[in-house]
Amino acid sequence: MLAALLEANVGTIAGIVLVIVLLVIFASCIQVVPQAQARVLERLGGYKDTWNVGVHIKMPFIDKVAKKVILKEQVVDFAPQPVITKDNVTMRIDTVVFYQITDPKLYAYGVDNPIMAIENLTATTLRNIIGDLELDQTLTSREIINAKMRASLDSATDPWGIKVNRVELKNIIPPAAIQDSMEKQMKAERERREAILRAEGEKKSTILVAEGKKESAILDAEAEKQAAILRAEARKEAMIREAEGQAQAILKVQQANADGIRFIKEAGADESVLRLKSLEAFAKAADGKATKIIIPSEIQSMAGLAKSVVEIAKDAQ
């Protein structure tokens, strides 16, 4: 009875273990490929398929994932490489390569260690390009060198399932002696530019000062002109007002004389009174500063009569 129970327990445990093993095997056969990745599947050692994004099931024991491939753009920074220019100057240049895997199958089977292959290819291509350029051209032709290297590397890596998107020269390190010479040249260039800027600043300052003086002189002349115009206008106005005042005074005097004569006439004055008034007017005229006076004949006869009267009065005394 006990033996039968033990056999039953062993059978149960064995069944449970078998189920667990089967579950583990089944779970290992399920593969989930995430975004921007791929899987290269082999069956019995040969290429079977390329898995892209999603859930995939492989056959146990005969299928295996040979390579996991990242499809995103990647960047690799290579150490400085010694190169020699056309004018026999040795320098060191380090490069940065931006690449992307476009064919997982070619990437898996095209070349062993693709990154090392790209590094060696980059160094060789760089030496070939720099060997055709002189030092000055190398230092000023980064864009041209980058374009040539990208085209050459992209063509060479295409059979490996790799596309080279961009190549950049990170640093160009010339020999120490040339670096010192370049620094001295750059310093001299900076000093030259500083002198030019200083001279231009002084020139602009001088021009501004001259412009300011010119503007000030123009303003002074305009002010003097306006002042002269205002003074002339003032004198003109004063003369006009003075003339108007004299004219008004003459008119008033003439009006007063006319009114006096009119009043005398209205009062019925005889000829002798009118002549007397004429004498009074003549006396006022003679009291002025005129050097020549024209006396009417009537007034002359009146003057003679007045003199005779005066003489008679003297004799009577």
Protein backbone atom coordinates (compact mmCIF):
# COMPACT_ATOMS: atom_id res chain seq x y z
CA MET A 1 0.00 0.00 0.00
CA LEU A 2 2.80 2.40 0.95
CA ALA A 3 4.78 1.41 -2.11
CA ALA A 4 1.82 2.10 -4.36
CA LEU A 5 1.36 5.53 -2.75
CA LEU A 6 5.04 6.36 -3.27
CA GLU A 7 4.84 5.31 -6.89
CA ALA A 8 1.79 7.50 -7.38
CA ASN A 9 3.56 10.54 -5.80
CA VAL A 10 6.65 9.99 -7.95
CA GLY A 11 4.51 9.82 -11.05
CA THR A 12 2.73 13.02 -10.08
CA ILE A 13 5.99 14.86 -9.39
CA ALA A 14 7.43 13.63 -12.68
CA GLY A 15 4.36 14.88 -14.50
CA ILE A 16 4.59 18.28 -12.86
CA VAL A 17 8.27 18.55 -13.72
CA LEU A 18 7.57 17.57 -17.30
CA VAL A 19 4.86 20.20 -17.59
CA ILE A 20 7.20 22.86 -16.17
CA VAL A 21 9.95 21.88 -18.61
CA LEU A 22 7.55 22.03 -21.53
CA LEU A 23 6.33 25.45 -20.41
CA VAL A 24 9.91 26.72 -20.14
CA ILE A 25 10.74 25.38 -23.59
CA PHE A 26 7.61 26.93 -25.07
CA ALA A 27 8.32 30.26 -23.41
CA SER A 28 11.86 30.27 -24.77
CA CYS A 29 10.46 29.75 -28.24
CA ILE A 30 8.47 33.00 -28.05
CA GLN A 31 10.40 36.09 -29.11
CA VAL A 32 9.18 39.70 -28.94
CA VAL A 33 11.14 42.09 -31.19
CA PRO A 34 10.94 45.73 -29.99
CA GLN A 35 10.79 48.86 -32.14
CA ALA A 36 13.91 49.81 -34.19
CA GLN A 37 15.39 46.32 -33.79
CA ALA A 38 15.57 43.10 -35.80
CA ARG A 39 16.52 39.44 -35.23
CA VAL A 40 18.42 37.15 -37.61
CA LEU A 41 17.05 33.60 -37.29
CA GLU A 42 19.03 30.48 -38.17
CA ARG A 43 17.72 26.92 -38.52
CA LEU A 44 20.23 24.13 -38.12
CA GLY A 45 23.08 26.57 -38.69
CA GLY A 46 21.72 28.21 -41.85
CA TYR A 47 19.96 31.53 -42.38
CA LYS A 48 16.21 31.10 -42.00
CA ASP A 49 14.52 34.51 -41.62
CA THR A 50 14.75 38.11 -40.37
CA TRP A 51 12.29 39.01 -37.65
CA ASN A 52 11.06 42.59 -37.47
CA VAL A 53 8.87 44.28 -34.83
CA GLY A 54 6.31 41.97 -33.22
CA VAL A 55 5.84 38.50 -31.63
CA HIS A 56 7.55 35.51 -33.24
CA ILE A 57 7.74 31.75 -32.40
CA LYS A 58 10.72 29.59 -33.28
CA MET A 59 11.08 25.85 -33.42
CA PRO A 60 12.71 24.46 -30.28
CA PHE A 61 16.23 23.03 -30.52
CA ILE A 62 16.57 23.59 -34.27
CA ASP A 63 16.01 27.37 -34.51
CA LYS A 64 18.10 30.02 -32.82
CA VAL A 65 18.52 33.79 -32.95
CA ALA A 66 21.94 34.27 -34.51
CA LYS A 67 22.18 38.09 -34.15
CA LYS A 68 20.29 40.97 -32.57
CA VAL A 69 20.49 44.05 -34.76
CA ILE A 70 19.80 47.69 -33.80
CA LEU A 71 18.30 49.63 -36.70
CA LYS A 72 18.63 53.15 -35.19
CA GLU A 73 21.34 55.51 -36.40
CA GLN A 74 24.51 54.97 -34.41
CA VAL A 75 27.67 56.95 -33.94
CA VAL A 76 31.22 55.74 -33.42
CA ASP A 77 34.18 57.96 -32.49
CA PHE A 78 37.51 56.67 -33.78
CA ALA A 79 40.84 57.50 -32.17
CA PRO A 80 43.18 60.00 -33.91
CA GLN A 81 44.95 58.53 -36.93
CA PRO A 82 48.37 59.72 -38.20
CA VAL A 83 48.23 61.06 -41.74
CA ILE A 84 50.76 62.77 -44.03
CA THR A 85 49.84 65.72 -46.24
CA LYS A 86 51.06 66.34 -49.76
CA ASP A 87 53.78 68.69 -48.44
CA ASN A 88 55.06 66.00 -46.00
CA VAL A 89 53.51 67.33 -42.80
CA THR A 90 52.48 64.62 -40.34
CA MET A 91 49.34 65.34 -38.36
CA ARG A 92 46.74 63.43 -36.38
CA ILE A 93 43.03 63.45 -37.25
CA ASP A 94 40.19 61.79 -35.36
CA THR A 95 36.87 61.15 -37.07
CA VAL A 96 33.25 60.58 -36.09
CA VAL A 97 31.11 58.30 -38.27
CA PHE A 98 27.31 58.23 -38.20
CA TYR A 99 25.95 55.00 -39.68
CA GLN A 100 22.75 52.95 -39.81
CA ILE A 101 22.12 49.23 -40.46
CA THR A 102 19.77 48.84 -43.42
CA ASP A 103 20.00 45.07 -44.04
CA PRO A 104 20.30 42.84 -40.93
CA LYS A 105 21.17 39.75 -43.00
CA LEU A 106 24.10 41.43 -44.77
CA TYR A 107 25.20 42.96 -41.50
CA ALA A 108 25.21 39.51 -39.84
CA TYR A 109 27.02 37.67 -42.63
CA GLY A 110 28.78 40.37 -44.67
CA VAL A 111 31.89 41.03 -42.57
CA ASP A 112 33.27 39.92 -39.24
CA ASN A 113 33.35 42.73 -36.67
CA PRO A 114 31.81 45.50 -38.83
CA ILE A 115 32.86 48.34 -36.50
CA MET A 116 36.54 47.41 -36.72
CA ALA A 117 36.16 47.11 -40.47
CA ILE A 118 34.66 50.63 -40.65
CA GLU A 119 37.48 52.00 -38.49
CA ASN A 120 40.18 50.54 -40.71
CA LEU A 121 38.37 51.67 -43.83
CA THR A 122 38.03 55.18 -42.39
CA ALA A 123 41.75 55.40 -41.61
CA THR A 124 42.70 54.21 -45.10
CA THR A 125 40.29 56.56 -46.85
CA LEU A 126 41.44 59.49 -44.73
CA ARG A 127 45.10 58.86 -45.59
CA ASN A 128 44.29 58.72 -49.30
CA ILE A 129 42.34 61.99 -49.24
CA ILE A 130 44.80 63.93 -47.04
CA GLY A 131 47.73 62.67 -49.13
CA ASP A 132 46.41 64.71 -52.06
CA LEU A 133 46.09 67.94 -50.03
CA GLU A 134 48.62 70.36 -48.62
CA LEU A 135 48.55 71.52 -45.01
CA ASP A 136 46.66 74.76 -45.66
CA GLN A 137 44.09 72.94 -47.80
CA THR A 138 43.61 70.32 -45.08
CA LEU A 139 42.94 72.98 -42.46
CA THR A 140 40.44 74.87 -44.64
CA SER A 141 38.68 72.03 -46.49
CA ARG A 142 36.84 70.15 -43.76
CA GLU A 143 33.54 70.08 -45.64
CA ILE A 144 35.17 68.75 -48.80
CA ILE A 145 37.03 66.04 -46.86
CA ASN A 146 33.85 65.07 -44.99
CA ALA A 147 31.90 64.73 -48.25
CA LYS A 148 34.59 62.63 -49.94
CA MET A 149 34.91 60.32 -46.94
CA ARG A 150 31.16 59.83 -46.61
CA ALA A 151 30.81 58.93 -50.28
CA SER A 152 33.75 56.50 -50.15
CA LEU A 153 32.67 54.80 -46.90
CA ASP A 154 29.03 54.54 -47.96
CA SER A 155 30.02 52.79 -51.17
CA ALA A 156 32.40 50.40 -49.38
CA THR A 157 29.98 49.48 -46.55
CA ASP A 158 26.94 48.90 -48.77
CA PRO A 159 27.70 45.14 -49.18
CA TRP A 160 27.77 44.90 -45.37
CA GLY A 161 24.21 46.21 -45.00
CA ILE A 162 25.48 49.49 -43.53
CA LYS A 163 24.71 53.02 -44.73
CA VAL A 164 27.11 55.80 -43.73
CA ASN A 165 25.03 58.94 -43.27
CA ARG A 166 27.70 61.41 -42.22
CA VAL A 167 31.42 61.66 -41.50
CA GLU A 168 32.93 64.50 -39.48
CA LEU A 169 36.55 65.42 -38.81
CA LYS A 170 36.47 66.01 -35.09
CA ASN A 171 40.00 67.33 -34.54
CA ILE A 172 42.94 68.12 -36.79
CA ILE A 173 46.11 68.10 -34.71
CA PRO A 174 49.20 69.42 -36.56
CA PRO A 175 52.78 69.12 -35.16
CA ALA A 176 53.76 71.31 -32.20
CA ALA A 177 56.02 73.57 -34.28
CA ILE A 178 53.24 74.23 -36.77
CA GLN A 179 50.79 74.84 -33.93
CA ASP A 180 53.14 77.50 -32.50
CA SER A 181 53.47 79.11 -35.91
CA MET A 182 49.70 79.05 -36.39
CA GLU A 183 49.14 80.60 -32.98
CA LYS A 184 51.62 83.39 -33.78
CA GLN A 185 49.92 83.96 -37.11
CA MET A 186 46.51 84.04 -35.46
CA LYS A 187 47.82 86.47 -32.83
CA ALA A 188 49.23 88.74 -35.53
CA GLU A 189 45.93 88.55 -37.41
CA ARG A 190 44.00 89.44 -34.25
CA GLU A 191 46.32 92.40 -33.60
CA ARG A 192 45.91 93.54 -37.21
CA ARG A 193 42.14 93.37 -36.96
CA GLU A 194 42.25 95.18 -33.63
CA ALA A 195 44.36 97.95 -35.19
CA ILE A 196 41.95 98.20 -38.12
CA LEU A 197 38.96 98.37 -35.79
CA ARG A 198 40.68 100.99 -33.64
CA ALA A 199 41.53 103.08 -36.72
CA GLU A 200 37.98 102.78 -37.99
CA GLY A 201 36.69 103.80 -34.58
CA GLU A 202 38.95 106.86 -34.50
CA LYS A 203 37.92 107.74 -38.06
CA LYS A 204 34.24 107.47 -37.19
CA SER A 205 34.83 109.54 -34.04
CA THR A 206 36.57 112.26 -36.07
CA ILE A 207 33.76 112.24 -38.60
CA LEU A 208 31.17 112.51 -35.84
CA VAL A 209 33.03 115.43 -34.24
CA ALA A 210 33.29 117.20 -37.61
CA GLU A 211 29.63 116.54 -38.30
CA GLY A 212 28.78 117.91 -34.87
CA LYS A 213 30.79 121.09 -35.48
CA LYS A 214 29.24 121.48 -38.92
CA GLU A 215 25.76 121.03 -37.51
CA SER A 216 26.52 123.49 -34.72
CA ALA A 217 27.82 126.08 -37.21
CA ILE A 218 24.73 125.63 -39.35
CA LEU A 219 22.49 126.03 -36.32
CA ASP A 220 24.42 129.15 -35.20
CA ALA A 221 24.10 130.66 -38.69
CA GLU A 222 20.40 129.84 -38.79
CA ALA A 223 19.95 131.40 -35.35
CA GLU A 224 21.83 134.57 -36.38
CA LYS A 225 19.80 134.75 -39.58
CA GLN A 226 16.54 134.43 -37.67
CA ALA A 227 17.73 137.04 -35.15
CA ALA A 228 18.65 139.49 -37.95
CA ILE A 229 15.29 138.91 -39.60
CA LEU A 230 13.51 139.51 -36.32
CA ARG A 231 15.52 142.71 -35.67
CA ALA A 232 14.76 143.99 -39.18
CA GLU A 233 11.10 143.11 -38.71
CA ALA A 234 11.12 144.96 -35.38
CA ARG A 235 12.73 148.08 -36.91
CA LYS A 236 10.31 147.95 -39.81
CA GLU A 237 7.36 147.61 -37.45
CA ALA A 238 8.64 150.50 -35.31
CA MET A 239 9.08 152.77 -38.35
CA ILE A 240 5.64 151.82 -39.62
CA ARG A 241 4.10 152.55 -36.24
CA GLU A 242 6.00 155.88 -35.98
CA ALA A 243 4.89 156.92 -39.45
CA GLU A 244 1.34 155.93 -38.65
CA GLY A 245 1.55 157.95 -35.42
CA GLN A 246 2.82 161.06 -37.24
CA ALA A 247 0.15 160.64 -39.87
CA GLN A 248 -2.48 160.31 -37.20
CA ALA A 249 -1.13 163.44 -35.45
CA ILE A 250 -1.20 165.49 -38.71
CA LEU A 251 -4.67 164.29 -39.43
CA LYS A 252 -5.82 165.26 -35.96
CA VAL A 253 -4.19 168.73 -36.26
CA GLN A 254 -5.76 169.30 -39.65
CA GLN A 255 -9.06 168.08 -38.34
CA ALA A 256 -8.80 170.46 -35.36
CA ASN A 257 -8.00 173.43 -37.67
CA ALA A 258 -10.86 172.50 -39.93
CA ASP A 259 -13.20 172.23 -36.97
CA GLY A 260 -12.00 175.64 -35.67
CA ILE A 261 -12.57 177.35 -38.99
CA ARG A 262 -15.94 175.66 -39.27
CA PHE A 263 -16.91 176.89 -35.81
CA ILE A 264 -15.79 180.46 -36.67
CA LYS A 265 -17.78 180.43 -39.85
CA GLU A 266 -20.81 179.13 -38.05
CA ALA A 267 -20.37 181.92 -35.44
CA GLY A 268 -20.56 184.57 -38.26
CA ALA A 269 -17.01 185.93 -37.92
CA ASP A 270 -15.98 188.69 -40.37
CA GLU A 271 -12.94 188.85 -42.66
CA SER A 272 -10.71 190.45 -40.02
CA VAL A 273 -11.23 187.60 -37.58
CA LEU A 274 -10.38 185.06 -40.24
CA ARG A 275 -7.21 186.93 -41.06
CA LEU A 276 -6.32 187.02 -37.38
CA LYS A 277 -6.69 183.29 -37.18
CA SER A 278 -4.47 182.99 -40.22
CA LEU A 279 -1.83 185.07 -38.44
CA GLU A 280 -2.04 182.74 -35.43
CA ALA A 281 -1.55 179.74 -37.70
CA PHE A 282 1.39 181.54 -39.37
CA ALA A 283 2.94 182.19 -35.97
CA LYS A 284 2.72 178.51 -35.08
CA ALA A 285 4.27 177.57 -38.38
CA ALA A 286 7.07 180.10 -37.90
CA ASP A 287 7.75 178.70 -34.44
CA GLY A 288 8.94 175.44 -36.09
CA LYS A 289 12.38 174.57 -37.35
CA ALA A 290 11.77 175.26 -41.01
CA THR A 291 14.45 177.49 -42.63
CA LYS A 292 12.20 178.82 -45.38
CA ILE A 293 8.54 179.94 -45.00
CA ILE A 294 6.25 181.08 -47.85
CA ILE A 295 3.88 183.81 -46.59
CA PRO A 296 0.61 184.39 -48.49
CA SER A 297 -0.06 187.94 -49.84
CA GLU A 298 -3.08 188.39 -47.63
CA ILE A 299 -1.03 187.75 -44.54
CA GLN A 300 1.70 190.16 -45.80
CA SER A 301 -0.82 193.02 -46.09
CA MET A 302 -2.14 192.21 -42.67
CA ALA A 303 1.36 192.34 -41.31
CA GLY A 304 1.88 195.81 -42.87
CA LEU A 305 -1.35 197.05 -41.33
CA ALA A 306 -0.34 195.75 -37.96
CA LYS A 307 3.02 197.55 -38.18
CA SER A 308 1.33 200.86 -39.06
CA VAL A 309 -0.95 200.55 -36.07
CA VAL A 310 2.01 199.95 -33.83
CA GLU A 311 3.85 203.04 -35.17
CA ILE A 312 0.76 205.26 -34.65
CA ALA A 313 0.48 204.05 -31.09
CA LYS A 314 4.13 204.94 -30.41
CA ASP A 315 3.67 208.51 -31.76
CA ALA A 316 0.60 209.09 -29.63
CA GLN A 317 2.57 208.36 -26.51
